[in-house]
Amino acid sequence: MLESAHFEEVEMEGLEHASNVELLATLAGKAAAEALVQHYAGLTALAQASFDELQLVKGIGQSKAAAIKSAFLLAQRLTRETYPEAPLLDTPERVADLLREQNRPYIVENFQVIFLNRVCPRGRSRAWRLMGIGAEGKG
């Protein structure tokens, strides 16, 4: 859903510099965007919210919740697009940089394995897989 009056205010070339409220308003309207920003501590908390939890916020119904979840899922998928060359993973920081954004929405621990390609130069990633997701309150 797009609120055309507000969208016209935030011109296309200005979207990069728009606030979180302005960007959310293009998906859900200004009042709902303001309610979301007040309800959630930040974008990570908003991204972690379930479809049903989003609908508990005043002004967010199924359509707006679907638009918001879709935007975050697209952003998450963007981080998983293939690289032209396998990334070099020779330090813990580089591994963290590679996996950070795709793991941001998780609210529980998850275990991932990175497979390194022996044919490529040392430390190049071939693939990684999510091996399991933890559950809150379980050891």
C-alpha atoms as a PDB file:
ATOM      1  CA  MET A   1       0.000   0.000   0.000  1.00  0.00           C
ATOM      2  CA  LEU A   2       1.389   3.366  -0.969  1.00  0.00           C
ATOM      3  CA  GLU A   3       0.159   6.663   0.398  1.00  0.00           C
ATOM      4  CA  SER A   4       0.604   8.821  -2.676  1.00  0.00           C
ATOM      5  CA  ALA A   5       0.358  12.192  -0.905  1.00  0.00           C
ATOM      6  CA  HIS A   6       3.221  11.389   1.444  1.00  0.00           C
ATOM      7  CA  PHE A   7       5.198   9.555  -1.234  1.00  0.00           C
ATOM      8  CA  GLU A   8       5.156  12.666  -3.407  1.00  0.00           C
ATOM      9  CA  GLU A   9       6.695  14.625  -0.509  1.00  0.00           C
ATOM     10  CA  VAL A  10       9.595  12.178  -0.298  1.00  0.00           C
ATOM     11  CA  GLU A  11      10.927  12.383  -3.845  1.00  0.00           C
ATOM     12  CA  MET A  12      12.592   9.332  -5.342  1.00  0.00           C
ATOM     13  CA  GLU A  13      16.099  10.812  -5.279  1.00  0.00           C
ATOM     14  CA  GLY A  14      15.583  11.814  -1.642  1.00  0.00           C
ATOM     15  CA  LEU A  15      14.690   8.322  -0.419  1.00  0.00           C
ATOM     16  CA  GLU A  16      18.306   7.545   0.465  1.00  0.00           C
ATOM     17  CA  HIS A  17      18.240  10.385   2.983  1.00  0.00           C
ATOM     18  CA  ALA A  18      14.706   9.778   4.276  1.00  0.00           C
ATOM     19  CA  SER A  19      14.159   8.963   7.933  1.00  0.00           C
ATOM     20  CA  ASN A  20      12.916   5.566   9.052  1.00  0.00           C
ATOM     21  CA  VAL A  21       9.463   7.063   9.611  1.00  0.00           C
ATOM     22  CA  GLU A  22       9.396   8.489   6.080  1.00  0.00           C
ATOM     23  CA  LEU A  23      10.458   5.172   4.545  1.00  0.00           C
ATOM     24  CA  LEU A  24       7.933   3.207   6.598  1.00  0.00           C
ATOM     25  CA  ALA A  25       5.265   5.757   5.652  1.00  0.00           C
ATOM     26  CA  THR A  26       5.648   4.786   1.989  1.00  0.00           C
ATOM     27  CA  LEU A  27       4.606   1.263   3.027  1.00  0.00           C
ATOM     28  CA  ALA A  28       2.114   1.879   5.806  1.00  0.00           C
ATOM     29  CA  GLY A  29       1.159   5.559   5.926  1.00  0.00           C
ATOM     30  CA  LYS A  30       2.476   8.290   8.198  1.00  0.00           C
ATOM     31  CA  ALA A  31       0.381   7.549  11.306  1.00  0.00           C
ATOM     32  CA  ALA A  32       1.130   3.825  11.204  1.00  0.00           C
ATOM     33  CA  ALA A  33       4.836   4.500  10.566  1.00  0.00           C
ATOM     34  CA  GLU A  34       5.033   6.767  13.602  1.00  0.00           C
ATOM     35  CA  ALA A  35       3.240   4.137  15.709  1.00  0.00           C
ATOM     36  CA  LEU A  36       5.712   1.464  14.555  1.00  0.00           C
ATOM     37  CA  VAL A  37       8.752   3.602  15.389  1.00  0.00           C
ATOM     38  CA  GLN A  38       7.321   4.350  18.842  1.00  0.00           C
ATOM     39  CA  HIS A  39       6.458   0.691  19.486  1.00  0.00           C
ATOM     40  CA  TYR A  40       9.757  -0.868  18.342  1.00  0.00           C
ATOM     41  CA  ALA A  41      13.180   0.141  19.670  1.00  0.00           C
ATOM     42  CA  GLY A  42      14.754   0.097  16.196  1.00  0.00           C
ATOM     43  CA  LEU A  43      14.790  -1.531  12.795  1.00  0.00           C
ATOM     44  CA  THR A  44      16.195  -4.798  14.144  1.00  0.00           C
ATOM     45  CA  ALA A  45      13.297  -5.153  16.590  1.00  0.00           C
ATOM     46  CA  LEU A  46      10.859  -4.248  13.818  1.00  0.00           C
ATOM     47  CA  ALA A  47      12.415  -6.818  11.470  1.00  0.00           C
ATOM     48  CA  GLN A  48      12.137  -9.471  14.188  1.00  0.00           C
ATOM     49  CA  ALA A  49       8.436  -8.784  14.763  1.00  0.00           C
ATOM     50  CA  SER A  50       6.128 -11.503  13.502  1.00  0.00           C
ATOM     51  CA  PHE A  51       3.302 -10.868  11.073  1.00  0.00           C
ATOM     52  CA  ASP A  52       0.816 -11.164  13.945  1.00  0.00           C
ATOM     53  CA  GLU A  53       2.836  -8.893  16.256  1.00  0.00           C
ATOM     54  CA  LEU A  54       2.914  -6.148  13.631  1.00  0.00           C
ATOM     55  CA  GLN A  55      -0.869  -6.212  13.471  1.00  0.00           C
ATOM     56  CA  LEU A  56      -1.060  -5.390  17.185  1.00  0.00           C
ATOM     57  CA  VAL A  57       0.241  -1.896  16.408  1.00  0.00           C
ATOM     58  CA  LYS A  58      -2.511   0.655  15.803  1.00  0.00           C
ATOM     59  CA  GLY A  59      -3.061   1.224  12.088  1.00  0.00           C
ATOM     60  CA  ILE A  60      -1.368  -1.992  10.934  1.00  0.00           C
ATOM     61  CA  GLY A  61      -3.614  -4.580   9.313  1.00  0.00           C
ATOM     62  CA  GLN A  62      -2.811  -7.617   7.232  1.00  0.00           C
ATOM     63  CA  SER A  63      -1.936  -5.650   4.098  1.00  0.00           C
ATOM     64  CA  LYS A  64       0.465  -3.253   5.813  1.00  0.00           C
ATOM     65  CA  ALA A  65       2.018  -6.031   7.909  1.00  0.00           C
ATOM     66  CA  ALA A  66       2.611  -8.031   4.714  1.00  0.00           C
ATOM     67  CA  ALA A  67       4.241  -5.019   3.017  1.00  0.00           C
ATOM     68  CA  ILE A  68       6.557  -4.408   5.982  1.00  0.00           C
ATOM     69  CA  LYS A  69       7.541  -8.081   6.362  1.00  0.00           C
ATOM     70  CA  SER A  70       8.107  -8.273   2.589  1.00  0.00           C
ATOM     71  CA  ALA A  71      10.453  -5.279   2.661  1.00  0.00           C
ATOM     72  CA  PHE A  72      12.561  -6.835   5.420  1.00  0.00           C
ATOM     73  CA  LEU A  73      12.597 -10.235   3.717  1.00  0.00           C
ATOM     74  CA  LEU A  74      13.787  -8.631   0.474  1.00  0.00           C
ATOM     75  CA  ALA A  75      16.552  -6.835   2.375  1.00  0.00           C
ATOM     76  CA  GLN A  76      17.557 -10.117   3.992  1.00  0.00           C
ATOM     77  CA  ARG A  77      17.609 -11.895   0.615  1.00  0.00           C
ATOM     78  CA  LEU A  78      19.743  -9.124  -0.829  1.00  0.00           C
ATOM     79  CA  THR A  79      22.446  -9.970   1.670  1.00  0.00           C
ATOM     80  CA  ARG A  80      22.424 -13.585   0.447  1.00  0.00           C
ATOM     81  CA  GLU A  81      22.874 -12.852  -3.239  1.00  0.00           C
ATOM     82  CA  THR A  82      25.910 -14.539  -4.675  1.00  0.00           C
ATOM     83  CA  TYR A  83      29.172 -12.713  -4.883  1.00  0.00           C
ATOM     84  CA  PRO A  84      31.017 -12.567  -8.218  1.00  0.00           C
ATOM     85  CA  GLU A  85      33.982 -14.063  -6.363  1.00  0.00           C
ATOM     86  CA  ALA A  86      33.765 -16.048  -3.168  1.00  0.00           C
ATOM     87  CA  PRO A  87      34.467 -13.751  -0.212  1.00  0.00           C
ATOM     88  CA  LEU A  88      37.768 -14.087   1.604  1.00  0.00           C
ATOM     89  CA  LEU A  89      37.083 -15.373   5.129  1.00  0.00           C
ATOM     90  CA  ASP A  90      40.469 -15.267   6.773  1.00  0.00           C
ATOM     91  CA  THR A  91      39.483 -13.440   9.967  1.00  0.00           C
ATOM     92  CA  PRO A  92      36.556 -13.653  12.411  1.00  0.00           C
ATOM     93  CA  GLU A  93      35.628 -10.089  11.466  1.00  0.00           C
ATOM     94  CA  ARG A  94      35.200 -11.011   7.792  1.00  0.00           C
ATOM     95  CA  VAL A  95      33.012 -13.975   8.739  1.00  0.00           C
ATOM     96  CA  ALA A  96      30.904 -11.695  10.947  1.00  0.00           C
ATOM     97  CA  ASP A  97      30.611  -9.116   8.135  1.00  0.00           C
ATOM     98  CA  LEU A  98      29.438 -11.826   5.739  1.00  0.00           C
ATOM     99  CA  LEU A  99      26.761 -13.255   8.027  1.00  0.00           C
ATOM    100  CA  ARG A 100      25.693 -10.236  10.116  1.00  0.00           C
ATOM    101  CA  GLU A 101      22.757  -8.905   8.106  1.00  0.00           C
ATOM    102  CA  GLN A 102      21.164 -12.232   7.279  1.00  0.00           C
ATOM    103  CA  ASN A 103      21.278 -13.152  10.983  1.00  0.00           C
ATOM    104  CA  ARG A 104      20.029  -9.840  12.350  1.00  0.00           C
ATOM    105  CA  PRO A 105      16.340 -10.877  12.328  1.00  0.00           C
ATOM    106  CA  TYR A 106      16.948 -13.971  14.491  1.00  0.00           C
ATOM    107  CA  ILE A 107      15.853 -13.590  18.084  1.00  0.00           C
ATOM    108  CA  VAL A 108      17.301 -16.956  19.133  1.00  0.00           C
ATOM    109  CA  GLU A 109      20.729 -18.489  18.652  1.00  0.00           C
ATOM    110  CA  ASN A 110      21.397 -20.306  15.414  1.00  0.00           C
ATOM    111  CA  PHE A 111      24.275 -22.518  14.395  1.00  0.00           C
ATOM    112  CA  GLN A 112      25.816 -22.144  10.955  1.00  0.00           C
ATOM    113  CA  VAL A 113      28.596 -23.955   9.188  1.00  0.00           C
ATOM    114  CA  ILE A 114      30.782 -22.330   6.551  1.00  0.00           C
ATOM    115  CA  PHE A 115      32.268 -24.631   3.941  1.00  0.00           C
ATOM    116  CA  LEU A 116      35.604 -23.419   2.602  1.00  0.00           C
ATOM    117  CA  ASN A 117      36.644 -24.260  -0.918  1.00  0.00           C
ATOM    118  CA  ARG A 118      40.023 -26.013  -1.038  1.00  0.00           C
ATOM    119  CA  VAL A 119      40.328 -25.387  -4.781  1.00  0.00           C
ATOM    120  CA  CYS A 120      40.037 -21.625  -4.412  1.00  0.00           C
ATOM    121  CA  PRO A 121      42.668 -19.581  -2.600  1.00  0.00           C
ATOM    122  CA  ARG A 122      42.822 -20.291   1.118  1.00  0.00           C
ATOM    123  CA  GLY A 123      39.954 -18.938   3.139  1.00  0.00           C
ATOM    124  CA  ARG A 124      37.476 -18.506   0.283  1.00  0.00           C
ATOM    125  CA  SER A 125      33.902 -19.471   1.125  1.00  0.00           C
ATOM    126  CA  ARG A 126      32.162 -22.021  -1.040  1.00  0.00           C
ATOM    127  CA  ALA A 127      28.849 -22.040   0.808  1.00  0.00           C
ATOM    128  CA  TRP A 128      27.290 -21.778   4.230  1.00  0.00           C
ATOM    129  CA  ARG A 129      24.300 -23.506   5.729  1.00  0.00           C
ATOM    130  CA  LEU A 130      22.040 -22.916   8.682  1.00  0.00           C
ATOM    131  CA  MET A 131      22.366 -26.092  10.706  1.00  0.00           C
ATOM    132  CA  GLY A 132      19.930 -25.376  13.520  1.00  0.00           C
ATOM    133  CA  ILE A 133      18.056 -22.708  15.420  1.00  0.00           C
ATOM    134  CA  GLY A 134      17.948 -22.579  19.210  1.00  0.00           C
ATOM    135  CA  ALA A 135      14.828 -22.147  21.266  1.00  0.00           C
ATOM    136  CA  GLU A 136      14.350 -19.582  24.005  1.00  0.00           C
ATOM    137  CA  GLY A 137      14.742 -21.009  27.459  1.00  0.00           C
ATOM    138  CA  LYS A 138      16.262 -24.272  26.278  1.00  0.00           C
ATOM    139  CA  GLY A 139      19.837 -25.226  27.047  1.00  0.00           C
END
